[in-house]
Amino acid sequence: MTLHREGYKYIIIATILWAAISFGINLLHITWLTGAVSFICFALWFWVVAFFRLPSRTMTFGDDKIICPADGKVVVIEEAVETEYFKDKRLQVSVFMSPINVHINRNPISGVIQYLRYHPGKYLVAWHPKSSTENERTTIVIKGQKNEILMRQIAGALARRICYYVKEQQPVKQNDEFGFIRFGSRVDLYLPIGTKIDVKIGDVVKGGVTVIGRW
């Protein structure tokens, strides 16, 4: 396992804070307080490091497969009108990422980025009905050999920074990184009506591994 580049700054900050707080507490010479504060600082530092982990895993590939873009839990599977790009009814599949999940976002299919827009916005909890239209978010459309799919990164109440590494007309490969969301969030997929879905609500999924659906 390695660490994601998005985490370097935060890990350094957490390390400096841990050292500074520990130094200050040691000056008080209160053994029980020193131990308690040291444990809390270590736990917070460990969480920051774990949040930015980049685990090694065996990816799933296939031109007929739509691979999950993120780790987390499936919270929505329903038909919905996508109003920004398709402007028609699509099959929406949403994955919620808690603060303990890996927050790397991966391309579900290979293709070309047809559309990319960043939208500043609010920070409602990621499962709020209006989060997909009012929160900070990016909308990315990949045109593959068979179909177009839309991905939407949505910031949550804790997430304060959406990162994306692609641009319009850029060719992308299935399972390569297209982005990262810091500290809790959600990714929506909008798929063609009739797509065979291989997951159900409540399923725990892994980015780059779990097959969301098939053409």
Protein backbone atom coordinates (compact mmCIF):
# COMPACT_ATOMS: atom_id res chain seq x y z
CA MET A 1 0.00 0.00 0.00
CA THR A 2 1.21 3.51 -0.83
CA LEU A 3 -0.11 7.02 -0.15
CA HIS A 4 -1.98 9.19 -2.62
CA ARG A 5 -0.31 12.45 -3.66
CA GLU A 6 -3.35 14.44 -2.51
CA GLY A 7 -2.50 13.50 1.07
CA TYR A 8 1.11 14.62 1.37
CA LYS A 9 0.29 18.12 2.63
CA TYR A 10 -2.30 16.92 5.13
CA ILE A 11 -0.04 14.20 6.53
CA ILE A 12 2.77 16.72 7.05
CA ILE A 13 0.36 19.13 8.80
CA ALA A 14 -0.98 16.32 11.01
CA THR A 15 2.55 15.25 11.92
CA ILE A 16 3.61 18.80 12.85
CA LEU A 17 0.47 19.32 14.97
CA TRP A 18 1.01 16.01 16.76
CA ALA A 19 4.61 16.95 17.56
CA ALA A 20 3.68 20.47 18.72
CA ILE A 21 0.81 19.31 20.93
CA SER A 22 2.88 16.49 22.43
CA PHE A 23 5.71 18.91 23.21
CA GLY A 24 3.33 21.31 24.94
CA ILE A 25 1.63 18.61 26.98
CA ASN A 26 4.97 17.14 28.11
CA LEU A 27 5.83 20.49 29.69
CA LEU A 28 2.91 20.03 32.12
CA HIS A 29 4.43 16.81 33.52
CA ILE A 30 1.00 15.19 33.98
CA THR A 31 1.49 11.55 33.05
CA TRP A 32 -2.14 10.53 32.51
CA LEU A 33 -2.89 13.65 30.46
CA THR A 34 0.22 13.14 28.34
CA GLY A 35 -0.80 9.57 27.59
CA ALA A 36 -4.40 10.46 26.74
CA VAL A 37 -3.48 13.37 24.45
CA SER A 38 -0.77 11.33 22.75
CA PHE A 39 -3.26 8.55 22.03
CA ILE A 40 -5.81 10.99 20.58
CA CYS A 41 -3.17 12.68 18.43
CA PHE A 42 -1.93 9.32 17.15
CA ALA A 43 -5.48 8.20 16.33
CA LEU A 44 -6.16 11.39 14.35
CA TRP A 45 -2.80 11.16 12.57
CA PHE A 46 -3.42 7.51 11.71
CA TRP A 47 -6.87 8.37 10.31
CA VAL A 48 -5.40 11.08 8.06
CA VAL A 49 -2.78 8.64 6.77
CA ALA A 50 -5.38 5.90 6.26
CA PHE A 51 -7.71 8.29 4.43
CA PHE A 52 -5.11 8.93 1.73
CA ARG A 53 -4.08 5.30 1.34
CA LEU A 54 -3.63 3.94 -2.15
CA PRO A 55 -4.15 0.19 -1.79
CA SER A 56 -2.89 -2.24 -4.38
CA ARG A 57 -5.68 -4.32 -5.91
CA THR A 58 -6.44 -6.50 -8.89
CA MET A 59 -8.64 -4.46 -11.23
CA THR A 60 -11.59 -5.74 -13.26
CA PHE A 61 -11.66 -4.96 -16.98
CA GLY A 62 -14.05 -5.53 -19.88
CA ASP A 63 -15.53 -3.58 -22.80
CA ASP A 64 -18.97 -4.90 -21.84
CA LYS A 65 -18.56 -3.95 -18.17
CA ILE A 66 -19.14 -0.70 -16.24
CA ILE A 67 -16.72 -0.75 -13.33
CA CYS A 68 -17.46 0.98 -10.04
CA PRO A 69 -15.75 4.41 -9.91
CA ALA A 70 -15.34 4.56 -6.11
CA ASP A 71 -15.21 2.60 -2.87
CA GLY A 72 -18.27 2.85 -0.66
CA LYS A 73 -21.89 1.75 -0.45
CA VAL A 74 -24.59 1.80 -3.14
CA VAL A 75 -27.31 4.16 -1.89
CA VAL A 76 -29.37 4.88 -5.03
CA ILE A 77 -30.51 2.79 -7.99
CA GLU A 78 -33.38 4.46 -9.82
CA GLU A 79 -34.51 6.05 -13.05
CA ALA A 80 -33.98 9.81 -12.96
CA VAL A 81 -33.97 12.73 -15.36
CA GLU A 82 -30.43 14.00 -15.92
CA THR A 83 -30.86 17.72 -16.56
CA GLU A 84 -27.34 19.01 -17.26
CA TYR A 85 -26.08 17.03 -20.26
CA PHE A 86 -28.41 14.27 -21.47
CA LYS A 87 -31.61 16.12 -20.53
CA ASP A 88 -33.56 12.90 -20.55
CA LYS A 89 -34.26 9.90 -18.34
CA ARG A 90 -31.29 7.77 -17.30
CA LEU A 91 -30.55 5.02 -14.81
CA GLN A 92 -28.86 6.57 -11.78
CA VAL A 93 -26.52 4.56 -9.54
CA SER A 94 -24.99 6.42 -6.59
CA VAL A 95 -22.11 5.34 -4.36
CA PHE A 96 -21.64 7.03 -0.97
CA MET A 97 -18.08 7.25 0.34
CA SER A 98 -17.73 7.54 4.12
CA PRO A 99 -14.65 9.14 5.72
CA ILE A 100 -13.10 5.69 6.18
CA ASN A 101 -13.32 4.69 2.52
CA VAL A 102 -10.63 5.06 -0.14
CA HIS A 103 -11.55 8.28 -1.97
CA ILE A 104 -9.88 7.73 -5.33
CA ASN A 105 -12.26 8.01 -8.31
CA ARG A 106 -11.68 5.78 -11.35
CA ASN A 107 -12.99 5.68 -14.92
CA PRO A 108 -15.81 3.12 -15.23
CA ILE A 109 -15.13 2.61 -18.95
CA SER A 110 -12.53 3.51 -21.56
CA GLY A 111 -13.32 6.29 -24.00
CA VAL A 112 -12.99 10.03 -24.57
CA ILE A 113 -14.05 12.84 -22.21
CA GLN A 114 -16.89 14.54 -24.09
CA TYR A 115 -17.93 17.01 -21.41
CA LEU A 116 -16.51 18.37 -18.14
CA ARG A 117 -17.91 21.08 -15.90
CA TYR A 118 -17.01 22.14 -12.36
CA HIS A 119 -19.81 23.70 -10.27
CA PRO A 120 -19.09 25.48 -6.97
CA GLY A 121 -21.86 25.05 -4.45
CA LYS A 122 -23.03 24.12 -0.97
CA TYR A 123 -21.88 21.33 1.35
CA LEU A 124 -25.10 19.54 2.25
CA VAL A 125 -24.72 15.99 3.55
CA ALA A 126 -24.03 13.72 0.58
CA TRP A 127 -27.30 11.78 0.93
CA HIS A 128 -29.45 14.94 0.90
CA PRO A 129 -31.87 14.92 -2.09
CA LYS A 130 -30.61 18.32 -3.28
CA SER A 131 -26.89 17.55 -2.93
CA SER A 132 -26.60 16.43 -6.56
CA THR A 133 -27.80 19.83 -7.82
CA GLU A 134 -26.75 22.29 -5.09
CA ASN A 135 -23.45 20.99 -3.68
CA GLU A 136 -19.97 21.56 -5.05
CA ARG A 137 -19.66 19.02 -7.87
CA THR A 138 -18.11 18.10 -11.19
CA THR A 139 -19.89 16.51 -14.13
CA ILE A 140 -17.83 14.33 -16.46
CA VAL A 141 -19.12 12.47 -19.52
CA ILE A 142 -17.16 9.61 -21.11
CA LYS A 143 -18.05 8.47 -24.61
CA GLY A 144 -17.11 4.82 -25.02
CA GLN A 145 -17.34 2.47 -27.97
CA LYS A 146 -20.91 1.52 -27.12
CA ASN A 147 -22.47 4.30 -25.03
CA GLU A 148 -21.94 7.54 -23.14
CA ILE A 149 -22.02 7.60 -19.35
CA LEU A 150 -22.08 10.57 -17.00
CA MET A 151 -20.21 10.68 -13.70
CA ARG A 152 -20.83 13.29 -11.05
CA GLN A 153 -18.48 13.89 -8.12
CA ILE A 154 -20.46 15.46 -5.27
CA ALA A 155 -18.91 17.05 -2.19
CA GLY A 156 -20.47 16.30 1.19
CA ALA A 157 -20.68 18.02 4.56
CA LEU A 158 -17.04 17.15 5.33
CA ALA A 159 -15.71 17.17 1.77
CA ARG A 160 -14.26 20.57 0.90
CA ARG A 161 -12.25 19.83 -2.19
CA ILE A 162 -13.11 17.97 -5.37
CA CYS A 163 -10.07 17.12 -7.49
CA TYR A 164 -10.22 15.98 -11.11
CA TYR A 165 -7.35 15.12 -13.42
CA VAL A 166 -8.99 14.98 -16.85
CA LYS A 167 -10.03 17.48 -19.52
CA GLU A 168 -12.40 17.53 -22.47
CA GLN A 169 -11.40 15.44 -25.51
CA GLN A 170 -8.86 13.50 -23.47
CA PRO A 171 -8.77 9.73 -24.09
CA VAL A 172 -9.08 7.76 -20.83
CA LYS A 173 -8.66 4.13 -19.89
CA GLN A 174 -10.93 2.02 -17.74
CA ASN A 175 -9.91 2.10 -14.04
CA ASP A 176 -7.37 4.91 -14.40
CA GLU A 177 -7.82 7.73 -11.87
CA PHE A 178 -9.96 10.66 -12.94
CA GLY A 179 -10.25 12.36 -9.55
CA PHE A 180 -10.26 12.41 -5.76
CA ILE A 181 -12.65 13.86 -3.15
CA ARG A 182 -11.40 14.75 0.31
CA PHE A 183 -13.20 13.70 3.50
CA GLY A 184 -16.55 12.10 2.64
CA SER A 185 -18.59 12.38 -0.53
CA ARG A 186 -20.61 10.69 -3.27
CA VAL A 187 -20.29 9.69 -6.92
CA ASP A 188 -23.35 9.39 -9.19
CA LEU A 189 -23.40 7.43 -12.43
CA TYR A 190 -26.03 8.07 -15.10
CA LEU A 191 -26.33 5.09 -17.42
CA PRO A 192 -28.53 4.34 -20.45
CA ILE A 193 -31.98 2.98 -19.65
CA GLY A 194 -31.86 -0.78 -20.06
CA THR A 195 -28.34 -1.18 -18.66
CA LYS A 196 -28.11 -4.46 -16.72
CA ILE A 197 -27.23 -3.57 -13.12
CA ASP A 198 -25.12 -6.06 -11.16
CA VAL A 199 -25.41 -4.42 -7.72
CA LYS A 200 -28.23 -3.62 -5.32
CA ILE A 201 -28.84 -0.90 -2.74
CA GLY A 202 -26.74 -1.48 0.35
CA ASP A 203 -23.94 -3.35 -1.44
CA VAL A 204 -20.40 -2.45 -0.38
CA VAL A 205 -18.38 -1.83 -3.54
CA LYS A 206 -14.76 -1.22 -4.51
CA GLY A 207 -13.52 1.20 -7.14
CA GLY A 208 -11.86 -0.53 -10.05
CA VAL A 209 -13.05 -3.94 -8.88
CA THR A 210 -16.84 -4.18 -8.55
CA VAL A 211 -18.89 -4.45 -11.74
CA ILE A 212 -21.75 -1.94 -11.52
CA GLY A 213 -23.46 -3.01 -14.74
CA ARG A 214 -23.11 -4.38 -18.24
CA TRP A 215 -24.10 -3.22 -21.71
